[in-house]
Amino acid sequence: TSSQDSKSPIVISVAKYGLVGTLITALFGLAGVGLTAYLNN
C-alpha cells in the first residue's frame, strides 16, 4: 500500500512556520483555494 492518497493534502509545517504562523497560513490558504478546493485537498 502507498501512503499517497488520491486527494493530496496541503501540508503546512508547524516546525517551519510556528503555531501562530501555521494557523494564519492555513486560514489564508483556505481563503485562497476556496471551500471546494479545501474539501478536495
PDB file of all heavy atoms in Angstrom:
ATOM      1  N   THR A   1       0.835  -1.197   0.000  1.00  0.00           N
ATOM      2  CA  THR A   1       0.000   0.000   0.000  1.00  0.00           C
ATOM      3  C   THR A   1       0.862   1.237   0.000  1.00  0.00           C
ATOM      4  O   THR A   1       1.976   1.239   0.485  1.00  0.00           O
ATOM      5  CB  THR A   1      -0.910   0.048   1.240  1.00  0.00           C
ATOM      6  OG1 THR A   1      -0.086  -0.003   2.418  1.00  0.00           O
ATOM      7  CG2 THR A   1      -1.879  -1.117   1.233  1.00  0.00           C
ATOM      8  N   SER A   2       0.346   2.314  -0.570  1.00  0.00           N
ATOM      9  CA  SER A   2       1.050   3.582  -0.633  1.00  0.00           C
ATOM     10  C   SER A   2       0.464   4.554   0.347  1.00  0.00           C
ATOM     11  O   SER A   2      -0.726   4.527   0.643  1.00  0.00           O
ATOM     12  CB  SER A   2       0.949   4.168  -2.049  1.00  0.00           C
ATOM     13  OG  SER A   2       1.473   5.476  -2.079  1.00  0.00           O
ATOM     14  N   SER A   3       1.321   5.475   0.855  1.00  0.00           N
ATOM     15  CA  SER A   3       0.844   6.488   1.781  1.00  0.00           C
ATOM     16  C   SER A   3       0.241   7.676   1.046  1.00  0.00           C
ATOM     17  O   SER A   3      -0.267   8.596   1.649  1.00  0.00           O
ATOM     18  CB  SER A   3       1.996   6.976   2.661  1.00  0.00           C
ATOM     19  OG  SER A   3       2.972   7.629   1.862  1.00  0.00           O
ATOM     20  N   GLN A   4       0.303   7.674  -0.289  1.00  0.00           N
ATOM     21  CA  GLN A   4      -0.242   8.763  -1.068  1.00  0.00           C
ATOM     22  C   GLN A   4      -1.714   8.528  -1.340  1.00  0.00           C
ATOM     23  O   GLN A   4      -2.118   7.487  -1.832  1.00  0.00           O
ATOM     24  CB  GLN A   4       0.520   8.892  -2.397  1.00  0.00           C
ATOM     25  CG  GLN A   4       2.028   9.049  -2.210  1.00  0.00           C
ATOM     26  CD  GLN A   4       2.368  10.322  -1.482  1.00  0.00           C
ATOM     27  OE1 GLN A   4       1.676  11.328  -1.633  1.00  0.00           O
ATOM     28  NE2 GLN A   4       3.392  10.283  -0.651  1.00  0.00           N
ATOM     29  N   ASP A   5      -2.553   9.515  -1.032  1.00  0.00           N
ATOM     30  CA  ASP A   5      -3.984   9.408  -1.246  1.00  0.00           C
ATOM     31  C   ASP A   5      -4.336  10.100  -2.550  1.00  0.00           C
ATOM     32  O   ASP A   5      -3.604  10.952  -3.051  1.00  0.00           O
ATOM     33  CB  ASP A   5      -4.745  10.069  -0.077  1.00  0.00           C
ATOM     34  CG  ASP A   5      -6.230   9.782  -0.143  1.00  0.00           C
ATOM     35  OD1 ASP A   5      -6.619   8.677   0.254  1.00  0.00           O
ATOM     36  OD2 ASP A   5      -6.963  10.654  -0.602  1.00  0.00           O
ATOM     37  N   SER A   6      -5.477   9.756  -3.111  1.00  0.00           N
ATOM     38  CA  SER A   6      -5.907  10.374  -4.357  1.00  0.00           C
ATOM     39  C   SER A   6      -6.184  11.858  -4.173  1.00  0.00           C
ATOM     40  O   SER A   6      -6.128  12.640  -5.099  1.00  0.00           O
ATOM     41  CB  SER A   6      -7.161   9.674  -4.889  1.00  0.00           C
ATOM     42  OG  SER A   6      -8.197   9.742  -3.923  1.00  0.00           O
ATOM     43  N   LYS A   7      -6.520  12.254  -2.952  1.00  0.00           N
ATOM     44  CA  LYS A   7      -6.692  13.657  -2.634  1.00  0.00           C
ATOM     45  C   LYS A   7      -5.477  14.103  -1.830  1.00  0.00           C
ATOM     46  O   LYS A   7      -5.406  13.903  -0.641  1.00  0.00           O
ATOM     47  CB  LYS A   7      -7.974  13.878  -1.828  1.00  0.00           C
ATOM     48  CG  LYS A   7      -9.238  13.519  -2.597  1.00  0.00           C
ATOM     49  CD  LYS A   7     -10.470  13.777  -1.753  1.00  0.00           C
ATOM     50  CE  LYS A   7     -11.742  13.439  -2.509  1.00  0.00           C
ATOM     51  NZ  LYS A   7     -12.939  13.694  -1.693  1.00  0.00           N
ATOM     52  N   SER A   8      -4.517  14.721  -2.510  1.00  0.00           N
ATOM     53  CA  SER A   8      -3.283  15.078  -1.832  1.00  0.00           C
ATOM     54  C   SER A   8      -3.524  16.231  -0.881  1.00  0.00           C
ATOM     55  O   SER A   8      -4.051  17.267  -1.269  1.00  0.00           O
ATOM     56  CB  SER A   8      -2.216  15.491  -2.863  1.00  0.00           C
ATOM     57  OG  SER A   8      -1.964  14.420  -3.737  1.00  0.00           O
ATOM     58  N   PRO A   9      -3.144  16.084   0.390  1.00  0.00           N
ATOM     59  CA  PRO A   9      -3.378  17.140   1.358  1.00  0.00           C
ATOM     60  C   PRO A   9      -2.421  18.299   1.182  1.00  0.00           C
ATOM     61  O   PRO A   9      -1.324  18.145   0.660  1.00  0.00           O
ATOM     62  CB  PRO A   9      -3.136  16.446   2.697  1.00  0.00           C
ATOM     63  CG  PRO A   9      -2.171  15.371   2.366  1.00  0.00           C
ATOM     64  CD  PRO A   9      -2.538  14.907   0.972  1.00  0.00           C
ATOM     65  N   ILE A  10      -2.854  19.486   1.603  1.00  0.00           N
ATOM     66  CA  ILE A  10      -1.967  20.630   1.674  1.00  0.00           C
ATOM     67  C   ILE A  10      -1.297  20.583   3.026  1.00  0.00           C
ATOM     68  O   ILE A  10      -1.930  20.777   4.048  1.00  0.00           O
ATOM     69  CB  ILE A  10      -2.754  21.953   1.512  1.00  0.00           C
ATOM     70  CG1 ILE A  10      -3.524  21.958   0.177  1.00  0.00           C
ATOM     71  CG2 ILE A  10      -1.836  23.159   1.618  1.00  0.00           C
ATOM     72  CD1 ILE A  10      -4.490  23.100   0.040  1.00  0.00           C
ATOM     73  N   VAL A  11      -0.008  20.307   3.066  1.00  0.00           N
ATOM     74  CA  VAL A  11       0.697  20.118   4.327  1.00  0.00           C
ATOM     75  C   VAL A  11       1.371  21.415   4.729  1.00  0.00           C
ATOM     76  O   VAL A  11       2.099  22.008   3.956  1.00  0.00           O
ATOM     77  CB  VAL A  11       1.737  18.988   4.205  1.00  0.00           C
ATOM     78  CG1 VAL A  11       2.513  18.851   5.497  1.00  0.00           C
ATOM     79  CG2 VAL A  11       1.047  17.693   3.843  1.00  0.00           C
ATOM     80  N   ILE A  12       1.120  21.849   5.951  1.00  0.00           N
ATOM     81  CA  ILE A  12       1.733  23.054   6.485  1.00  0.00           C
ATOM     82  C   ILE A  12       2.539  22.658   7.701  1.00  0.00           C
ATOM     83  O   ILE A  12       2.027  22.034   8.614  1.00  0.00           O
ATOM     84  CB  ILE A  12       0.675  24.102   6.871  1.00  0.00           C
ATOM     85  CG1 ILE A  12      -0.192  24.447   5.646  1.00  0.00           C
ATOM     86  CG2 ILE A  12       1.329  25.363   7.426  1.00  0.00           C
ATOM     87  CD1 ILE A  12      -1.353  25.334   5.974  1.00  0.00           C
ATOM     88  N   SER A  13       3.813  23.016   7.720  1.00  0.00           N
ATOM     89  CA  SER A  13       4.716  22.566   8.773  1.00  0.00           C
ATOM     90  C   SER A  13       4.730  23.507   9.960  1.00  0.00           C
ATOM     91  O   SER A  13       5.046  24.676   9.832  1.00  0.00           O
ATOM     92  CB  SER A  13       6.132  22.433   8.204  1.00  0.00           C
ATOM     93  OG  SER A  13       7.041  22.192   9.236  1.00  0.00           O
ATOM     94  N   VAL A  14       4.402  22.981  11.138  1.00  0.00           N
ATOM     95  CA  VAL A  14       4.494  23.757  12.360  1.00  0.00           C
ATOM     96  C   VAL A  14       5.941  24.106  12.654  1.00  0.00           C
ATOM     97  O   VAL A  14       6.257  25.201  13.125  1.00  0.00           O
ATOM     98  CB  VAL A  14       3.891  22.980  13.542  1.00  0.00           C
ATOM     99  CG1 VAL A  14       4.132  23.714  14.860  1.00  0.00           C
ATOM    100  CG2 VAL A  14       2.393  22.779  13.332  1.00  0.00           C
ATOM    101  N   ALA A  15       6.836  23.144  12.341  1.00  0.00           N
ATOM    102  CA  ALA A  15       8.253  23.368  12.615  1.00  0.00           C
ATOM    103  C   ALA A  15       8.778  24.556  11.819  1.00  0.00           C
ATOM    104  O   ALA A  15       9.664  25.273  12.262  1.00  0.00           O
ATOM    105  CB  ALA A  15       9.051  22.112  12.286  1.00  0.00           C
ATOM    106  N   LYS A  16       8.239  24.775  10.625  1.00  0.00           N
ATOM    107  CA  LYS A  16       8.736  25.832   9.759  1.00  0.00           C
ATOM    108  C   LYS A  16       8.120  27.177  10.090  1.00  0.00           C
ATOM    109  O   LYS A  16       8.796  28.194  10.138  1.00  0.00           O
ATOM    110  CB  LYS A  16       8.456  25.468   8.295  1.00  0.00           C
ATOM    111  CG  LYS A  16       8.966  26.517   7.305  1.00  0.00           C
ATOM    112  CD  LYS A  16       8.735  26.054   5.880  1.00  0.00           C
ATOM    113  CE  LYS A  16       9.256  27.087   4.881  1.00  0.00           C
ATOM    114  NZ  LYS A  16       9.025  26.661   3.496  1.00  0.00           N
ATOM    115  N   TYR A  17       6.811  27.210  10.318  1.00  0.00           N
ATOM    116  CA  TYR A  17       6.115  28.473  10.471  1.00  0.00           C
ATOM    117  C   TYR A  17       5.794  28.828  11.918  1.00  0.00           C
ATOM    118  O   TYR A  17       5.445  29.961  12.213  1.00  0.00           O
ATOM    119  CB  TYR A  17       4.805  28.444   9.667  1.00  0.00           C
ATOM    120  CG  TYR A  17       5.005  28.290   8.184  1.00  0.00           C
ATOM    121  CD1 TYR A  17       4.726  27.079   7.544  1.00  0.00           C
ATOM    122  CD2 TYR A  17       5.495  29.343   7.420  1.00  0.00           C
ATOM    123  CE1 TYR A  17       4.921  26.933   6.190  1.00  0.00           C
ATOM    124  CE2 TYR A  17       5.689  29.201   6.062  1.00  0.00           C
ATOM    125  CZ  TYR A  17       5.397  27.999   5.446  1.00  0.00           C
ATOM    126  OH  TYR A  17       5.590  27.853   4.111  1.00  0.00           O
ATOM    127  N   GLY A  18       5.856  27.883  12.834  1.00  0.00           N
ATOM    128  CA  GLY A  18       5.412  28.141  14.191  1.00  0.00           C
ATOM    129  C   GLY A  18       3.909  27.970  14.282  1.00  0.00           C
ATOM    130  O   GLY A  18       3.192  27.976  13.273  1.00  0.00           O
ATOM    131  N   LEU A  19       3.378  27.823  15.476  1.00  0.00           N
ATOM    132  CA  LEU A  19       1.955  27.537  15.634  1.00  0.00           C
ATOM    133  C   LEU A  19       1.089  28.678  15.131  1.00  0.00           C
ATOM    134  O   LEU A  19       0.144  28.481  14.376  1.00  0.00           O
ATOM    135  CB  LEU A  19       1.644  27.249  17.108  1.00  0.00           C
ATOM    136  CG  LEU A  19       0.190  26.909  17.427  1.00  0.00           C
ATOM    137  CD1 LEU A  19      -0.257  25.698  16.618  1.00  0.00           C
ATOM    138  CD2 LEU A  19       0.024  26.642  18.920  1.00  0.00           C
ATOM    139  N   VAL A  20       1.414  29.921  15.545  1.00  0.00           N
ATOM    140  CA  VAL A  20       0.607  31.068  15.113  1.00  0.00           C
ATOM    141  C   VAL A  20       0.708  31.259  13.606  1.00  0.00           C
ATOM    142  O   VAL A  20      -0.293  31.445  12.907  1.00  0.00           O
ATOM    143  CB  VAL A  20       1.058  32.351  15.841  1.00  0.00           C
ATOM    144  CG1 VAL A  20       0.297  33.554  15.307  1.00  0.00           C
ATOM    145  CG2 VAL A  20       0.838  32.209  17.340  1.00  0.00           C
ATOM    146  N   GLY A  21       1.927  31.199  13.101  1.00  0.00           N
ATOM    147  CA  GLY A  21       2.110  31.355  11.661  1.00  0.00           C
ATOM    148  C   GLY A  21       1.407  30.274  10.881  1.00  0.00           C
ATOM    149  O   GLY A  21       0.880  30.512   9.794  1.00  0.00           O
ATOM    150  N   THR A  22       1.385  29.067  11.421  1.00  0.00           N
ATOM    151  CA  THR A  22       0.710  27.949  10.758  1.00  0.00           C
ATOM    152  C   THR A  22      -0.793  28.198  10.662  1.00  0.00           C
ATOM    153  O   THR A  22      -1.405  27.965   9.620  1.00  0.00           O
ATOM    154  CB  THR A  22       0.971  26.645  11.530  1.00  0.00           C
ATOM    155  OG1 THR A  22       2.363  26.362  11.498  1.00  0.00           O
ATOM    156  CG2 THR A  22       0.216  25.488  10.906  1.00  0.00           C
ATOM    157  N   LEU A  23      -1.389  28.651  11.758  1.00  0.00           N
ATOM    158  CA  LEU A  23      -2.829  28.922  11.759  1.00  0.00           C
ATOM    159  C   LEU A  23      -3.173  30.026  10.773  1.00  0.00           C
ATOM    160  O   LEU A  23      -4.155  29.935  10.027  1.00  0.00           O
ATOM    161  CB  LEU A  23      -3.287  29.298  13.170  1.00  0.00           C
ATOM    162  CG  LEU A  23      -3.191  28.188  14.213  1.00  0.00           C
ATOM    163  CD1 LEU A  23      -3.555  28.728  15.585  1.00  0.00           C
ATOM    164  CD2 LEU A  23      -4.090  27.026  13.836  1.00  0.00           C
ATOM    165  N   ILE A  24      -2.355  31.094  10.747  1.00  0.00           N
ATOM    166  CA  ILE A  24      -2.599  32.189   9.798  1.00  0.00           C
ATOM    167  C   ILE A  24      -2.459  31.699   8.370  1.00  0.00           C
ATOM    168  O   ILE A  24      -3.278  31.985   7.496  1.00  0.00           O
ATOM    169  CB  ILE A  24      -1.617  33.352  10.065  1.00  0.00           C
ATOM    170  CG1 ILE A  24      -1.928  33.982  11.426  1.00  0.00           C
ATOM    171  CG2 ILE A  24      -1.720  34.402   8.961  1.00  0.00           C
ATOM    172  CD1 ILE A  24      -0.923  35.028  11.844  1.00  0.00           C
ATOM    173  N   THR A  25      -1.402  30.908   8.132  1.00  0.00           N
ATOM    174  CA  THR A  25      -1.185  30.368   6.787  1.00  0.00           C
ATOM    175  C   THR A  25      -2.334  29.467   6.357  1.00  0.00           C
ATOM    176  O   THR A  25      -2.780  29.498   5.210  1.00  0.00           O
ATOM    177  CB  THR A  25       0.136  29.565   6.752  1.00  0.00           C
ATOM    178  OG1 THR A  25       1.191  30.404   7.189  1.00  0.00           O
ATOM    179  CG2 THR A  25       0.428  29.065   5.341  1.00  0.00           C
ATOM    180  N   ALA A  26      -2.822  28.668   7.284  1.00  0.00           N
ATOM    181  CA  ALA A  26      -3.932  27.769   6.971  1.00  0.00           C
ATOM    182  C   ALA A  26      -5.188  28.553   6.619  1.00  0.00           C
ATOM    183  O   ALA A  26      -5.901  28.230   5.661  1.00  0.00           O
ATOM    184  CB  ALA A  26      -4.214  26.857   8.156  1.00  0.00           C
ATOM    185  N   LEU A  27      -5.489  29.629   7.378  1.00  0.00           N
ATOM    186  CA  LEU A  27      -6.680  30.436   7.127  1.00  0.00           C
ATOM    187  C   LEU A  27      -6.592  31.124   5.771  1.00  0.00           C
ATOM    188  O   LEU A  27      -7.548  31.127   4.991  1.00  0.00           O
ATOM    189  CB  LEU A  27      -6.852  31.469   8.239  1.00  0.00           C
ATOM    190  CG  LEU A  27      -7.269  30.911   9.607  1.00  0.00           C
ATOM    191  CD1 LEU A  27      -7.264  32.009  10.650  1.00  0.00           C
ATOM    192  CD2 LEU A  27      -8.647  30.268   9.517  1.00  0.00           C
ATOM    193  N   PHE A  28      -5.434  31.714   5.479  1.00  0.00           N
ATOM    194  CA  PHE A  28      -5.270  32.361   4.183  1.00  0.00           C
ATOM    195  C   PHE A  28      -5.271  31.340   3.059  1.00  0.00           C
ATOM    196  O   PHE A  28      -5.723  31.616   1.950  1.00  0.00           O
ATOM    197  CB  PHE A  28      -3.967  33.175   4.155  1.00  0.00           C
ATOM    198  CG  PHE A  28      -4.126  34.558   4.717  1.00  0.00           C
ATOM    199  CD1 PHE A  28      -3.841  34.809   6.045  1.00  0.00           C
ATOM    200  CD2 PHE A  28      -4.592  35.606   3.928  1.00  0.00           C
ATOM    201  CE1 PHE A  28      -3.991  36.078   6.582  1.00  0.00           C
ATOM    202  CE2 PHE A  28      -4.746  36.870   4.457  1.00  0.00           C
ATOM    203  CZ  PHE A  28      -4.455  37.123   5.792  1.00  0.00           C
ATOM    204  N   GLY A  29      -4.754  30.155   3.359  1.00  0.00           N
ATOM    205  CA  GLY A  29      -4.775  29.092   2.353  1.00  0.00           C
ATOM    206  C   GLY A  29      -6.193  28.696   2.006  1.00  0.00           C
ATOM    207  O   GLY A  29      -6.547  28.512   0.844  1.00  0.00           O
ATOM    208  N   LEU A  30      -7.054  28.588   3.013  1.00  0.00           N
ATOM    209  CA  LEU A  30      -8.449  28.237   2.771  1.00  0.00           C
ATOM    210  C   LEU A  30      -9.139  29.323   1.968  1.00  0.00           C
ATOM    211  O   LEU A  30      -9.936  29.056   1.067  1.00  0.00           O
ATOM    212  CB  LEU A  30      -9.177  28.027   4.108  1.00  0.00           C
ATOM    213  CG  LEU A  30      -8.756  26.811   4.914  1.00  0.00           C
ATOM    214  CD1 LEU A  30      -9.586  26.727   6.185  1.00  0.00           C
ATOM    215  CD2 LEU A  30      -8.915  25.551   4.105  1.00  0.00           C
ATOM    216  N   ALA A  31      -8.858  30.587   2.312  1.00  0.00           N
ATOM    217  CA  ALA A  31      -9.481  31.692   1.592  1.00  0.00           C
ATOM    218  C   ALA A  31      -9.037  31.711   0.150  1.00  0.00           C
ATOM    219  O   ALA A  31      -9.794  32.055  -0.755  1.00  0.00           O
ATOM    220  CB  ALA A  31      -9.116  33.018   2.274  1.00  0.00           C
ATOM    221  N   GLY A  32      -7.775  31.316  -0.070  1.00  0.00           N
ATOM    222  CA  GLY A  32      -7.248  31.360  -1.428  1.00  0.00           C
ATOM    223  C   GLY A  32      -7.751  30.220  -2.295  1.00  0.00           C
ATOM    224  O   GLY A  32      -8.087  30.420  -3.458  1.00  0.00           O
ATOM    225  N   VAL A  33      -7.826  29.016  -1.756  1.00  0.00           N
ATOM    226  CA  VAL A  33      -8.209  27.881  -2.589  1.00  0.00           C
ATOM    227  C   VAL A  33      -9.710  27.679  -2.647  1.00  0.00           C
ATOM    228  O   VAL A  33     -10.212  26.992  -3.533  1.00  0.00           O
ATOM    229  CB  VAL A  33      -7.542  26.579  -2.083  1.00  0.00           C
ATOM    230  CG1 VAL A  33      -6.043  26.726  -2.084  1.00  0.00           C
ATOM    231  CG2 VAL A  33      -8.031  26.222  -0.669  1.00  0.00           C
ATOM    232  N   GLY A  34     -10.457  28.254  -1.700  1.00  0.00           N
ATOM    233  CA  GLY A  34     -11.903  28.111  -1.713  1.00  0.00           C
ATOM    234  C   GLY A  34     -12.359  26.837  -1.038  1.00  0.00           C
ATOM    235  O   GLY A  34     -11.585  25.913  -0.835  1.00  0.00           O
ATOM    236  N   LEU A  35     -13.646  26.771  -0.680  1.00  0.00           N
ATOM    237  CA  LEU A  35     -14.182  25.648   0.071  1.00  0.00           C
ATOM    238  C   LEU A  35     -14.132  24.356  -0.720  1.00  0.00           C
ATOM    239  O   LEU A  35     -13.767  23.313  -0.206  1.00  0.00           O
ATOM    240  CB  LEU A  35     -15.629  25.947   0.490  1.00  0.00           C
ATOM    241  CG  LEU A  35     -16.327  24.845   1.296  1.00  0.00           C
ATOM    242  CD1 LEU A  35     -15.537  24.570   2.573  1.00  0.00           C
ATOM    243  CD2 LEU A  35     -17.761  25.249   1.619  1.00  0.00           C
ATOM    244  N   THR A  36     -14.472  24.430  -2.014  1.00  0.00           N
ATOM    245  CA  THR A  36     -14.478  23.216  -2.836  1.00  0.00           C
ATOM    246  C   THR A  36     -13.086  22.619  -2.925  1.00  0.00           C
ATOM    247  O   THR A  36     -12.880  21.415  -2.763  1.00  0.00           O
ATOM    248  CB  THR A  36     -14.991  23.525  -4.253  1.00  0.00           C
ATOM    249  OG1 THR A  36     -16.311  24.055  -4.156  1.00  0.00           O
ATOM    250  CG2 THR A  36     -15.000  22.253  -5.100  1.00  0.00           C
ATOM    251  N   ALA A  37     -12.093  23.495  -3.148  1.00  0.00           N
ATOM    252  CA  ALA A  37     -10.714  23.015  -3.233  1.00  0.00           C
ATOM    253  C   ALA A  37     -10.249  22.460  -1.897  1.00  0.00           C
ATOM    254  O   ALA A  37      -9.503  21.485  -1.832  1.00  0.00           O
ATOM    255  CB  ALA A  37      -9.790  24.155  -3.678  1.00  0.00           C
ATOM    256  N   TYR A  38     -10.713  23.071  -0.817  1.00  0.00           N
ATOM    257  CA  TYR A  38     -10.329  22.585   0.510  1.00  0.00           C
ATOM    258  C   TYR A  38     -10.876  21.190   0.769  1.00  0.00           C
ATOM    259  O   TYR A  38     -10.191  20.322   1.287  1.00  0.00           O
ATOM    260  CB  TYR A  38     -10.835  23.543   1.581  1.00  0.00           C
ATOM    261  CG  TYR A  38     -10.757  22.951   2.971  1.00  0.00           C
ATOM    262  CD1 TYR A  38      -9.518  22.698   3.567  1.00  0.00           C
ATOM    263  CD2 TYR A  38     -11.909  22.614   3.664  1.00  0.00           C
ATOM    264  CE1 TYR A  38      -9.434  22.131   4.824  1.00  0.00           C
ATOM    265  CE2 TYR A  38     -11.833  22.052   4.928  1.00  0.00           C
ATOM    266  CZ  TYR A  38     -10.598  21.813   5.504  1.00  0.00           C
ATOM    267  OH  TYR A  38     -10.531  21.253   6.746  1.00  0.00           O
ATOM    268  N   LEU A  39     -12.135  20.972   0.364  1.00  0.00           N
ATOM    269  CA  LEU A  39     -12.739  19.669   0.583  1.00  0.00           C
ATOM    270  C   LEU A  39     -12.003  18.601  -0.209  1.00  0.00           C
ATOM    271  O   LEU A  39     -11.891  17.453   0.209  1.00  0.00           O
ATOM    272  CB  LEU A  39     -14.226  19.699   0.190  1.00  0.00           C
ATOM    273  CG  LEU A  39     -15.114  20.564   1.096  1.00  0.00           C
ATOM    274  CD1 LEU A  39     -16.527  20.611   0.543  1.00  0.00           C
ATOM    275  CD2 LEU A  39     -15.121  20.034   2.526  1.00  0.00           C
ATOM    276  N   ASN A  40     -11.495  18.969  -1.397  1.00  0.00           N
ATOM    277  CA  ASN A  40     -10.765  18.017  -2.222  1.00  0.00           C
ATOM    278  C   ASN A  40      -9.306  17.887  -1.781  1.00  0.00           C
ATOM    279  O   ASN A  40      -8.657  16.880  -2.005  1.00  0.00           O
ATOM    280  CB  ASN A  40     -10.807  18.444  -3.691  1.00  0.00           C
ATOM    281  CG  ASN A  40     -12.190  18.277  -4.292  1.00  0.00           C
ATOM    282  OD1 ASN A  40     -12.929  17.372  -3.895  1.00  0.00           O
ATOM    283  ND2 ASN A  40     -12.549  19.138  -5.223  1.00  0.00           N
ATOM    284  N   ASN A  41      -8.757  18.948  -1.175  1.00  0.00           N
ATOM    285  CA  ASN A  41      -7.373  18.956  -0.738  1.00  0.00           C
ATOM    286  C   ASN A  41      -7.302  19.524   0.677  1.00  0.00           C
ATOM    287  O   ASN A  41      -6.947  20.685   0.873  1.00  0.00           O
ATOM    288  CB  ASN A  41      -6.511  19.817  -1.683  1.00  0.00           C
ATOM    289  CG  ASN A  41      -6.526  19.284  -3.095  1.00  0.00           C
ATOM    290  OD1 ASN A  41      -5.802  18.368  -3.429  1.00  0.00           O
ATOM    291  ND2 ASN A  41      -7.373  19.877  -3.925  1.00  0.00           N
TER     292      ASN A  41
END
